[in-house]
N, C-alpha and C. Protein backbone atom coordinates (compact mmCIF):
# COMPACT_ATOMS: atom_id res chain seq x y z
N MET A 1 114.57 -65.19 222.33
CA MET A 1 114.28 -64.21 221.60
C MET A 1 114.91 -63.85 220.67
N LYS A 2 114.14 -63.86 219.97
CA LYS A 2 115.19 -63.23 218.17
C LYS A 2 115.87 -62.13 218.05
N LYS A 3 117.10 -61.67 217.49
CA LYS A 3 117.33 -60.64 217.39
C LYS A 3 116.61 -59.64 216.99
N GLY A 4 115.89 -59.51 216.00
CA GLY A 4 114.53 -59.23 215.43
C GLY A 4 113.73 -58.38 216.58
N THR A 5 113.27 -59.03 217.04
CA THR A 5 112.36 -58.80 218.05
C THR A 5 112.94 -58.11 219.10
N ILE A 6 114.23 -58.35 219.62
CA ILE A 6 114.90 -57.45 220.74
C ILE A 6 115.32 -56.27 220.28
N VAL A 7 115.22 -55.66 218.63
CA VAL A 7 115.61 -54.74 218.43
C VAL A 7 114.24 -54.01 218.00
N LEU A 8 113.26 -54.37 217.64
CA LEU A 8 112.02 -53.95 217.60
C LEU A 8 111.17 -53.60 219.19
N VAL A 9 111.62 -54.35 220.33
CA VAL A 9 111.30 -54.03 221.43
C VAL A 9 111.87 -53.00 222.04
N VAL A 10 113.22 -52.92 221.36
CA VAL A 10 114.12 -51.51 222.08
C VAL A 10 113.55 -50.27 221.27
N ILE A 11 113.61 -50.56 220.04
CA ILE A 11 112.85 -49.40 219.36
C ILE A 11 111.48 -48.64 220.03
N LEU A 12 110.83 -49.89 220.15
CA LEU A 12 109.23 -49.48 220.91
C LEU A 12 109.56 -48.73 222.11
N ALA A 13 110.56 -49.42 222.99
CA ALA A 13 110.85 -48.66 224.15
C ALA A 13 111.34 -47.47 224.00
N ILE A 14 112.13 -47.14 223.10
CA ILE A 14 112.66 -45.76 222.83
C ILE A 14 111.79 -44.61 222.42
N ILE A 15 110.72 -45.34 221.42
CA ILE A 15 109.50 -44.04 221.13
C ILE A 15 108.62 -43.81 222.11
N ILE A 16 108.11 -45.08 222.89
CA ILE A 16 107.39 -45.07 224.14
C ILE A 16 108.29 -43.80 225.22
N PHE A 17 109.28 -44.23 225.72
CA PHE A 17 110.34 -43.00 226.35
C PHE A 17 110.15 -41.53 225.84
N GLY A 18 110.48 -41.45 224.55
CA GLY A 18 110.67 -40.19 223.90
C GLY A 18 109.03 -39.42 223.99
N GLY A 19 108.17 -40.37 223.57
CA GLY A 19 106.77 -39.90 223.49
C GLY A 19 106.57 -39.48 225.00
N LEU A 20 106.55 -40.15 226.03
CA LEU A 20 106.49 -39.72 227.75
C LEU A 20 107.06 -38.52 227.61
N TYR A 21 108.54 -38.55 227.39
CA TYR A 21 108.91 -37.35 227.91
C TYR A 21 108.53 -36.24 226.92
N ALA A 22 108.34 -36.42 225.81
CA ALA A 22 107.77 -34.89 224.77
C ALA A 22 106.27 -34.67 225.57
N VAL A 23 105.51 -35.33 225.86
CA VAL A 23 104.31 -34.91 226.48
C VAL A 23 104.27 -34.56 228.18
N SER A 24 105.49 -34.93 228.77
CA SER A 24 105.72 -34.30 230.16
C SER A 24 106.74 -33.06 229.90
N THR A 25 107.20 -32.59 228.98
CA THR A 25 108.13 -31.60 228.89
C THR A 25 106.80 -30.87 228.53
N ASN A 26 106.06 -30.86 227.43
CA ASN A 26 105.04 -30.08 227.07
C ASN A 26 104.28 -29.32 228.29
N ASN A 27 103.69 -30.41 229.08
CA ASN A 27 102.91 -30.04 230.52
C ASN A 27 103.47 -29.47 231.15
N LYS A 28 104.90 -29.54 231.43
CA LYS A 28 105.46 -28.35 232.15
C LYS A 28 105.70 -27.00 231.46
N PHE A 29 105.82 -26.87 230.18
CA PHE A 29 105.72 -25.75 229.57
C PHE A 29 104.16 -25.13 229.54
N VAL A 30 103.33 -25.88 229.84
CA VAL A 30 102.23 -25.30 229.59
C VAL A 30 101.97 -24.90 231.33
N GLY A 31 102.15 -25.48 232.20
CA GLY A 31 102.24 -24.66 233.34
C GLY A 31 103.11 -23.63 233.62
N LEU A 32 103.90 -23.82 233.22
CA LEU A 32 105.12 -22.48 233.64
C LEU A 32 104.56 -21.42 232.55
N ARG A 33 103.68 -21.89 231.56
CA ARG A 33 103.32 -20.28 230.98
C ARG A 33 102.02 -19.87 231.35
N GLU A 34 101.33 -21.08 231.96
CA GLU A 34 100.36 -20.50 233.03
C GLU A 34 100.57 -19.32 234.06
N THR A 35 101.66 -20.04 234.88
CA THR A 35 102.19 -19.41 235.83
C THR A 35 102.66 -17.86 235.64
N VAL A 36 103.46 -17.72 234.29
CA VAL A 36 103.52 -16.49 233.94
C VAL A 36 102.00 -15.70 233.54
N ASP A 37 101.14 -16.34 232.84
CA ASP A 37 100.11 -15.52 232.71
C ASP A 37 99.58 -15.28 234.03
N LYS A 38 99.31 -16.10 235.29
CA LYS A 38 98.59 -15.68 236.45
C LYS A 38 99.50 -14.54 236.97
N GLU A 39 100.68 -14.48 236.99
CA GLU A 39 101.62 -13.03 237.39
C GLU A 39 101.21 -12.33 236.73
N SER A 40 101.13 -12.46 235.42
CA SER A 40 100.72 -11.06 234.55
C SER A 40 99.37 -10.40 235.12
N ALA A 41 98.42 -11.37 235.38
CA ALA A 41 97.22 -11.05 235.92
C ALA A 41 97.24 -10.24 237.18
N ASN A 42 98.21 -10.68 237.85
CA ASN A 42 98.13 -10.13 239.60
C ASN A 42 98.85 -8.87 239.31
N ILE A 43 99.72 -8.80 238.60
CA ILE A 43 99.89 -7.09 237.95
C ILE A 43 98.92 -6.21 237.83
N ASP A 44 98.21 -6.96 236.73
CA ASP A 44 97.13 -6.27 236.48
C ASP A 44 95.71 -5.71 237.88
N VAL A 45 95.77 -6.77 238.29
CA VAL A 45 95.07 -6.51 239.89
C VAL A 45 95.60 -5.42 240.80
N VAL A 46 96.63 -5.39 240.54
CA VAL A 46 97.14 -4.22 241.52
C VAL A 46 97.38 -2.73 240.73
N LEU A 47 97.57 -2.79 239.50
CA LEU A 47 98.04 -1.75 238.90
C LEU A 47 96.15 -1.30 238.67
N GLU A 48 94.82 -2.07 238.55
CA GLU A 48 93.91 -1.46 238.43
C GLU A 48 93.42 -1.03 240.20
N ARG A 49 93.86 -1.48 241.08
CA ARG A 49 93.75 -1.07 242.28
C ARG A 49 94.24 -0.07 242.78
N ARG A 50 95.37 0.40 242.18
CA ARG A 50 95.96 1.75 242.06
C ARG A 50 95.47 2.61 241.22
N ALA A 51 94.76 2.21 239.94
CA ALA A 51 93.90 3.27 239.22
C ALA A 51 92.68 3.73 240.23
N ASP A 52 92.52 2.53 240.87
CA ASP A 52 90.97 2.99 241.54
C ASP A 52 91.34 3.85 243.14
N LEU A 53 92.49 3.96 243.16
CA LEU A 53 92.62 4.82 244.52
C LEU A 53 93.00 6.25 244.02
N ILE A 54 93.33 6.09 242.76
CA ILE A 54 93.98 7.81 242.24
C ILE A 54 92.69 8.73 242.41
N PRO A 55 91.42 8.30 241.72
CA PRO A 55 90.42 9.36 241.71
C PRO A 55 90.36 10.22 243.23
N ASN A 56 90.13 9.25 244.12
CA ASN A 56 90.04 9.50 245.45
C ASN A 56 90.97 10.64 245.83
N LEU A 57 92.34 10.02 245.73
CA LEU A 57 93.27 10.85 246.17
C LEU A 57 93.21 12.69 245.71
N VAL A 58 93.12 12.16 243.99
CA VAL A 58 92.75 13.60 243.34
C VAL A 58 91.88 14.61 243.91
N ASN A 59 90.63 13.60 243.99
CA ASN A 59 89.15 14.61 244.89
C ASN A 59 89.81 15.23 245.99
N THR A 60 90.35 14.59 246.62
CA THR A 60 90.98 14.95 248.41
C THR A 60 91.86 16.20 247.71
N VAL A 61 92.60 15.88 246.83
CA VAL A 61 93.80 17.16 246.35
C VAL A 61 92.99 18.13 246.00
N LYS A 62 91.93 18.06 244.90
CA LYS A 62 91.89 19.15 244.24
C LYS A 62 90.98 20.26 245.32
N GLY A 63 90.16 20.05 246.41
CA GLY A 63 89.89 20.75 247.54
C GLY A 63 90.71 21.47 247.81
N TYR A 64 91.91 21.49 247.84
CA TYR A 64 92.85 22.25 248.20
C TYR A 64 93.55 23.09 247.50
N VAL A 65 93.82 22.43 246.10
CA VAL A 65 94.80 23.29 245.14
C VAL A 65 94.31 23.32 243.75
N LYS A 66 93.17 23.98 243.93
CA LYS A 66 92.41 24.55 242.90
C LYS A 66 93.44 25.01 241.64
N HIS A 67 94.17 25.93 241.84
CA HIS A 67 94.96 26.00 241.02
C HIS A 67 96.07 25.20 240.08
N GLU A 68 96.25 24.30 240.65
CA GLU A 68 97.10 22.91 240.18
C GLU A 68 96.52 22.14 239.24
N GLU A 69 95.89 22.61 238.18
CA GLU A 69 94.84 21.85 237.18
C GLU A 69 95.43 21.16 236.68
N SER A 70 97.08 21.28 236.37
CA SER A 70 97.79 20.47 235.03
C SER A 70 98.27 19.07 235.82
N VAL A 71 98.43 19.44 236.99
CA VAL A 71 99.07 18.24 237.63
C VAL A 71 97.81 17.35 238.19
N ILE A 72 96.66 17.56 238.19
CA ILE A 72 95.59 16.84 238.23
C ILE A 72 95.37 16.25 236.92
N ASN A 73 95.59 17.03 236.02
CA ASN A 73 95.04 16.48 234.84
C ASN A 73 95.92 15.28 234.25
N SER A 74 97.41 15.53 234.43
CA SER A 74 98.03 14.49 234.05
C SER A 74 98.15 13.27 234.64
N ILE A 75 97.48 13.50 236.04
CA ILE A 75 96.95 12.05 236.74
C ILE A 75 96.24 11.52 235.90
N THR A 76 94.79 12.10 235.81
CA THR A 76 93.81 11.85 235.38
C THR A 76 94.12 11.20 233.90
N GLU A 77 94.74 11.38 232.83
CA GLU A 77 95.34 11.32 231.62
C GLU A 77 96.03 9.66 231.80
N ALA A 78 97.14 10.23 232.66
CA ALA A 78 97.89 8.89 233.05
C ALA A 78 97.27 7.65 233.53
N ARG A 79 96.27 7.46 234.37
CA ARG A 79 95.40 6.67 235.04
C ARG A 79 94.51 6.17 233.85
N GLU A 80 93.92 7.15 232.78
CA GLU A 80 93.49 6.39 231.79
C GLU A 80 94.08 5.51 230.75
N ASN A 81 95.52 6.18 230.64
CA ASN A 81 96.15 5.01 229.48
C ASN A 81 96.48 3.78 230.65
N LEU A 82 96.52 4.26 231.60
CA LEU A 82 96.97 2.82 232.40
C LEU A 82 95.78 1.67 232.13
N ILE A 83 94.73 1.89 232.46
CA ILE A 83 93.27 1.37 232.33
C ILE A 83 93.14 0.85 231.31
N SER A 84 93.53 1.73 230.18
CA SER A 84 93.45 0.99 228.55
C SER A 84 94.41 0.41 227.96
N ALA A 85 95.46 0.25 228.57
CA ALA A 85 97.03 -0.86 228.16
C ALA A 85 96.46 -2.12 227.90
N LYS A 86 96.72 -2.40 227.14
CA LYS A 86 96.74 -3.90 226.69
C LYS A 86 97.75 -4.68 226.92
N SER A 87 98.94 -4.47 226.47
CA SER A 87 100.13 -5.26 226.41
C SER A 87 101.09 -5.09 227.54
N LEU A 88 101.99 -5.81 227.84
CA LEU A 88 102.82 -5.65 229.10
C LEU A 88 103.83 -4.42 228.55
N ASN A 89 103.99 -4.11 227.53
CA ASN A 89 104.82 -2.82 227.24
C ASN A 89 104.27 -1.54 227.45
N GLU A 90 102.80 -1.70 226.95
CA GLU A 90 101.50 -0.61 227.19
C GLU A 90 101.70 -0.40 228.99
N LYS A 91 101.35 -1.57 229.33
CA LYS A 91 101.18 -1.17 230.64
C LYS A 91 102.11 -0.71 231.57
N ALA A 92 103.67 -1.13 231.14
CA ALA A 92 105.05 -0.72 231.76
C ALA A 92 104.97 0.85 231.57
N GLU A 93 104.63 1.03 230.25
CA GLU A 93 104.67 2.59 229.93
C GLU A 93 103.98 3.64 230.24
N ALA A 94 102.60 3.20 230.37
CA ALA A 94 101.44 3.74 231.17
C ALA A 94 101.75 3.79 232.72
N ASN A 95 102.20 3.08 233.53
CA ASN A 95 102.63 2.97 234.65
C ASN A 95 103.47 3.98 235.04
N SER A 96 104.81 4.19 234.10
CA SER A 96 105.72 4.69 234.22
C SER A 96 105.25 6.36 234.28
N LYS A 97 104.49 6.24 233.56
CA LYS A 97 103.79 8.28 233.46
C LYS A 97 102.90 8.06 234.39
N LEU A 98 102.15 7.02 235.20
CA LEU A 98 101.31 7.44 236.26
C LEU A 98 102.25 7.83 237.18
N ASP A 99 103.64 7.10 237.49
CA ASP A 99 104.53 7.47 238.56
C ASP A 99 104.70 8.88 238.76
N SER A 100 105.36 9.25 237.24
CA SER A 100 105.59 10.48 237.18
C SER A 100 104.79 11.65 237.50
N ALA A 101 103.57 11.23 237.27
CA ALA A 101 102.39 12.01 237.66
C ALA A 101 102.06 12.33 239.06
N ILE A 102 102.23 11.07 239.93
CA ILE A 102 102.31 11.08 240.98
C ILE A 102 103.07 11.61 241.79
N ASN A 103 104.29 11.56 241.37
CA ASN A 103 105.38 12.13 242.04
C ASN A 103 105.15 13.45 241.77
N ALA A 104 104.92 14.41 240.93
CA ALA A 104 104.54 15.64 240.45
C ALA A 104 103.43 16.14 241.59
N LEU A 105 102.50 15.41 242.05
CA LEU A 105 101.42 15.32 242.97
C LEU A 105 101.70 15.69 244.49
N MET A 106 103.05 14.70 244.53
CA MET A 106 103.37 14.76 246.22
C MET A 106 104.20 15.85 246.54
N VAL A 107 104.97 16.46 244.80
CA VAL A 107 105.63 17.37 244.97
C VAL A 107 104.39 19.06 245.62
N VAL A 108 103.28 18.95 244.96
CA VAL A 108 102.31 20.04 245.20
C VAL A 108 102.13 20.00 246.37
N VAL A 109 101.43 18.53 246.75
CA VAL A 109 101.40 18.64 248.20
C VAL A 109 102.27 19.00 249.33
N GLU A 110 103.40 18.84 249.39
CA GLU A 110 104.44 19.73 249.98
C GLU A 110 104.08 20.94 250.29
N ASN A 111 103.72 21.75 249.62
CA ASN A 111 103.21 23.10 249.57
C ASN A 111 101.89 23.53 250.38
N TYR A 112 100.95 22.15 250.66
CA TYR A 112 100.05 22.47 251.44
C TYR A 112 100.05 21.71 252.68
N PRO A 113 100.67 22.42 253.80
CA PRO A 113 100.55 21.85 254.97
C PRO A 113 98.97 21.20 255.41
N ASP A 114 98.08 21.72 255.33
CA ASP A 114 97.04 21.70 255.75
C ASP A 114 96.34 20.01 255.14
N LEU A 115 96.88 19.99 253.88
CA LEU A 115 96.47 18.97 252.90
C LEU A 115 97.38 17.57 253.59
N LYS A 116 98.57 17.82 253.84
CA LYS A 116 99.31 16.99 254.22
C LYS A 116 98.75 16.09 255.61
N ALA A 117 98.02 17.28 256.44
CA ALA A 117 97.70 16.66 257.74
C ALA A 117 96.09 16.16 257.56
N ASN A 118 95.43 16.29 256.44
CA ASN A 118 93.92 15.90 256.49
C ASN A 118 93.80 14.23 256.47
N GLU A 119 92.89 14.15 257.15
CA GLU A 119 92.87 12.50 257.45
C GLU A 119 92.68 11.74 256.23
N ASN A 120 91.76 12.08 255.49
CA ASN A 120 91.68 11.25 253.92
C ASN A 120 92.83 11.00 253.25
N PHE A 121 93.63 12.22 253.21
CA PHE A 121 94.52 12.57 252.32
C PHE A 121 95.49 11.53 252.74
N ILE A 122 95.85 11.26 254.21
CA ILE A 122 96.82 10.50 255.00
C ILE A 122 96.28 9.08 254.81
N GLN A 123 95.18 8.70 254.75
CA GLN A 123 94.87 7.14 254.48
C GLN A 123 94.89 6.55 253.05
N LEU A 124 94.52 7.82 252.29
CA LEU A 124 94.66 7.58 250.88
C LEU A 124 96.33 7.22 250.37
N GLN A 125 96.85 8.44 250.99
CA GLN A 125 98.61 8.22 250.75
C GLN A 125 98.99 6.65 251.10
N ASP A 126 98.46 6.41 252.23
CA ASP A 126 99.08 4.90 253.14
C ASP A 126 98.75 3.72 252.28
N GLU A 127 97.19 3.83 251.38
CA GLU A 127 96.78 2.99 250.52
C GLU A 127 97.54 2.89 249.46
N LEU A 128 97.98 4.54 249.24
CA LEU A 128 98.74 4.13 247.72
C LEU A 128 100.20 3.61 247.85
N ALA A 129 100.80 4.00 249.09
CA ALA A 129 101.97 3.39 249.05
C ALA A 129 102.12 1.67 249.33
N GLY A 130 100.99 1.29 250.24
CA GLY A 130 101.02 -0.74 249.97
C GLY A 130 100.84 -0.85 248.94
N THR A 131 99.69 -0.33 247.98
CA THR A 131 99.31 -0.63 246.55
C THR A 131 100.98 -0.68 245.65
N GLU A 132 101.60 0.20 246.21
CA GLU A 132 103.24 0.49 245.40
C GLU A 132 103.70 -0.77 245.70
N ASN A 133 103.99 -1.01 247.06
CA ASN A 133 104.61 -2.32 247.34
C ASN A 133 103.87 -3.54 246.48
N ARG A 134 102.45 -3.58 246.66
CA ARG A 134 102.11 -4.59 246.20
C ARG A 134 102.61 -5.10 244.60
N ILE A 135 102.48 -3.76 243.66
CA ILE A 135 102.86 -4.13 242.46
C ILE A 135 104.52 -4.15 242.25
N ALA A 136 105.32 -3.40 243.35
CA ALA A 136 106.82 -4.30 243.20
C ALA A 136 106.92 -5.74 243.22
N ILE A 137 106.02 -6.02 244.34
CA ILE A 137 105.98 -7.83 244.57
C ILE A 137 105.40 -8.73 243.59
N ALA A 138 104.43 -7.95 242.88
CA ALA A 138 104.12 -8.84 241.68
C ALA A 138 104.81 -8.57 240.39
N ARG A 139 105.75 -7.39 240.27
CA ARG A 139 106.42 -7.41 239.36
C ARG A 139 107.58 -8.64 239.24
N LYS A 140 107.97 -8.53 240.64
CA LYS A 140 108.97 -9.54 240.87
C LYS A 140 108.38 -11.11 240.69
N ASN A 141 106.96 -11.37 241.01
CA ASN A 141 106.73 -12.72 240.99
C ASN A 141 106.58 -12.95 239.69
N TYR A 142 106.11 -11.71 238.89
CA TYR A 142 105.73 -12.34 236.92
C TYR A 142 107.46 -12.03 236.57
N ASN A 143 108.24 -11.72 236.58
CA ASN A 143 109.53 -11.61 236.27
C ASN A 143 110.44 -13.10 236.55
N ASP A 144 109.79 -13.41 238.03
CA ASP A 144 110.54 -14.87 238.36
C ASP A 144 109.72 -15.87 237.68
N ALA A 145 108.61 -15.66 237.33
CA ALA A 145 107.96 -17.12 236.44
C ALA A 145 108.69 -16.97 235.09
N ALA A 146 108.69 -15.49 234.37
CA ALA A 146 109.20 -15.21 233.16
C ALA A 146 110.43 -16.10 233.05
N THR A 147 111.40 -15.66 234.19
CA THR A 147 112.73 -16.55 234.14
C THR A 147 112.67 -17.92 234.14
N GLU A 148 112.12 -18.51 234.86
CA GLU A 148 111.96 -19.93 234.74
C GLU A 148 111.01 -20.60 233.76
N TYR A 149 110.36 -20.04 232.96
CA TYR A 149 109.31 -19.89 231.71
C TYR A 149 110.54 -19.98 230.84
N ASN A 150 111.21 -19.14 230.51
CA ASN A 150 112.26 -18.69 229.14
C ASN A 150 113.36 -19.47 229.54
N LYS A 151 113.89 -19.94 230.63
CA LYS A 151 114.83 -20.96 230.72
C LYS A 151 114.47 -22.30 230.46
N ALA A 152 113.20 -22.95 230.73
CA ALA A 152 113.00 -24.15 230.36
C ALA A 152 112.61 -24.48 229.14
N ILE A 153 112.29 -23.54 228.30
CA ILE A 153 112.12 -23.83 226.89
C ILE A 153 113.30 -23.12 226.02
N GLN A 154 114.42 -22.86 226.69
CA GLN A 154 115.71 -22.76 226.03
C GLN A 154 116.52 -23.57 226.13
N MET A 155 116.32 -24.40 227.28
CA MET A 155 117.46 -25.50 227.63
C MET A 155 117.38 -26.89 227.04
N PHE A 156 118.45 -27.30 226.76
CA PHE A 156 118.31 -28.93 225.86
C PHE A 156 117.77 -29.98 226.86
N PRO A 157 117.04 -30.76 226.56
CA PRO A 157 116.55 -31.19 225.25
C PRO A 157 115.26 -30.57 225.25
N GLY A 158 114.88 -29.82 226.31
CA GLY A 158 113.33 -29.47 226.33
C GLY A 158 113.11 -28.23 225.09
N SER A 159 114.11 -27.58 224.68
CA SER A 159 114.29 -26.39 223.77
C SER A 159 113.82 -27.24 222.51
N ILE A 160 113.95 -28.54 222.30
CA ILE A 160 113.44 -29.19 220.94
C ILE A 160 111.72 -29.53 220.97
N ILE A 161 111.38 -29.88 222.21
CA ILE A 161 109.81 -29.57 222.21
C ILE A 161 109.39 -28.45 222.10
N ALA A 162 109.77 -27.25 222.59
CA ALA A 162 109.63 -26.01 222.91
C ALA A 162 109.71 -25.28 221.41
N ASN A 163 110.47 -25.69 220.51
CA ASN A 163 110.49 -25.11 219.55
C ASN A 163 109.35 -25.64 218.35
N LEU A 164 109.12 -27.22 218.53
CA LEU A 164 108.22 -27.71 217.63
C LEU A 164 106.84 -27.44 218.13
N LYS A 165 106.86 -26.85 219.30
CA LYS A 165 105.38 -26.63 219.99
C LYS A 165 105.16 -25.37 219.40
N LYS A 166 106.28 -24.24 219.15
CA LYS A 166 106.52 -22.65 218.85
C LYS A 166 106.24 -22.12 220.17
N TYR A 167 106.50 -22.43 221.27
CA TYR A 167 106.78 -21.58 222.78
C TYR A 167 107.96 -20.45 222.35
N GLU A 168 107.27 -19.13 222.62
CA GLU A 168 108.13 -18.41 222.45
C GLU A 168 108.44 -17.46 224.15
N LYS A 169 109.58 -16.99 224.12
CA LYS A 169 109.86 -16.55 225.24
C LYS A 169 109.14 -15.38 225.75
N VAL A 170 108.85 -14.96 226.68
CA VAL A 170 108.06 -14.06 227.24
C VAL A 170 108.66 -12.82 227.71
N LYS A 171 108.49 -11.56 227.60
CA LYS A 171 109.14 -10.52 228.09
C LYS A 171 108.87 -9.92 229.47
N TYR A 172 110.07 -9.52 230.01
CA TYR A 172 109.66 -8.99 231.38
C TYR A 172 109.40 -7.96 231.68
N PHE A 173 108.98 -7.25 232.65
CA PHE A 173 108.41 -6.53 233.19
C PHE A 173 109.65 -5.49 233.77
N GLU A 174 109.72 -4.50 232.99
CA GLU A 174 111.22 -3.83 233.09
C GLU A 174 111.02 -2.33 233.55
N ALA A 175 111.88 -1.89 234.50
CA ALA A 175 111.61 -0.18 234.66
C ALA A 175 112.10 0.37 233.25
N GLU A 176 111.85 1.73 233.31
CA GLU A 176 112.40 2.66 231.86
C GLU A 176 113.82 2.65 232.30
N GLU A 177 114.35 3.09 231.52
CA GLU A 177 115.52 3.56 231.39
C GLU A 177 116.01 5.12 232.58
N SER A 178 114.95 5.60 232.20
CA SER A 178 114.84 7.10 233.16
C SER A 178 114.84 6.75 234.69
N LYS A 179 114.22 5.41 234.74
CA LYS A 179 113.46 5.22 236.30
C LYS A 179 114.92 4.49 236.71
N LYS A 180 115.88 4.19 236.31
CA LYS A 180 117.25 3.33 236.78
C LYS A 180 118.03 4.32 236.93
N GLU A 181 118.13 5.40 236.71
CA GLU A 181 119.09 6.43 237.46
C GLU A 181 119.06 6.92 238.38
N VAL A 182 120.12 6.84 239.22
CA VAL A 182 119.83 7.68 240.54
C VAL A 182 119.52 9.04 240.90
N PRO A 183 118.39 8.86 241.42
CA PRO A 183 117.86 10.65 241.60
C PRO A 183 119.20 11.59 242.33
N THR A 184 119.12 12.91 241.94
CA THR A 184 120.36 13.57 242.38
C THR A 184 119.48 14.69 243.65
N VAL A 185 120.15 14.52 244.67
CA VAL A 185 119.18 15.23 245.76
C VAL A 185 120.29 16.35 246.03
N ASP A 186 119.77 17.55 246.04
CA ASP A 186 120.25 18.65 246.19
C ASP A 186 119.75 19.44 247.16
N PHE A 187 120.06 20.34 247.79
CA PHE A 187 119.72 21.46 249.29
C PHE A 187 119.88 22.47 248.94
N ASP A 188 120.95 22.93 248.04
CA ASP A 188 121.04 24.31 247.82
C ASP A 188 120.47 24.93 247.03
């Protein structure tokens, strides 16, 4: 073979290998991004389940605590905000406000022993607790998928393809700063 032919074959092999690598890497990024989107949708599903349980819980409590209107109104408002949230940040903020409203409701419930013993309330409270666990798992799964995706698009040589195709980092589903503080328990 002539020297020119060998050079041409080597250049073609490099181009073909580079093209295959680029396609393979792009496909990997697409798959990882789809996993992130799926996990985000899973968070939406459990947040929606939670939002669907809230009216039943509120109606059960309403019968017992007619004068606790502000707590019930705050839960209703927080639930509506969660349902209408579009972005991940809006969902996280609305979810945090709903957490606070539910915590306020549980404080009110402590003052009503008959309510705490009510079968409907106990069942709804158990379902809500299970949903809270599902939310925590969905957040973790989303953050795991986001981590894998973010690492893949930033690591060399994949970062070259990511920059060319304009893949951007995704945000994590993070707790608010106020939720990161350890609560103070004081029995005095």
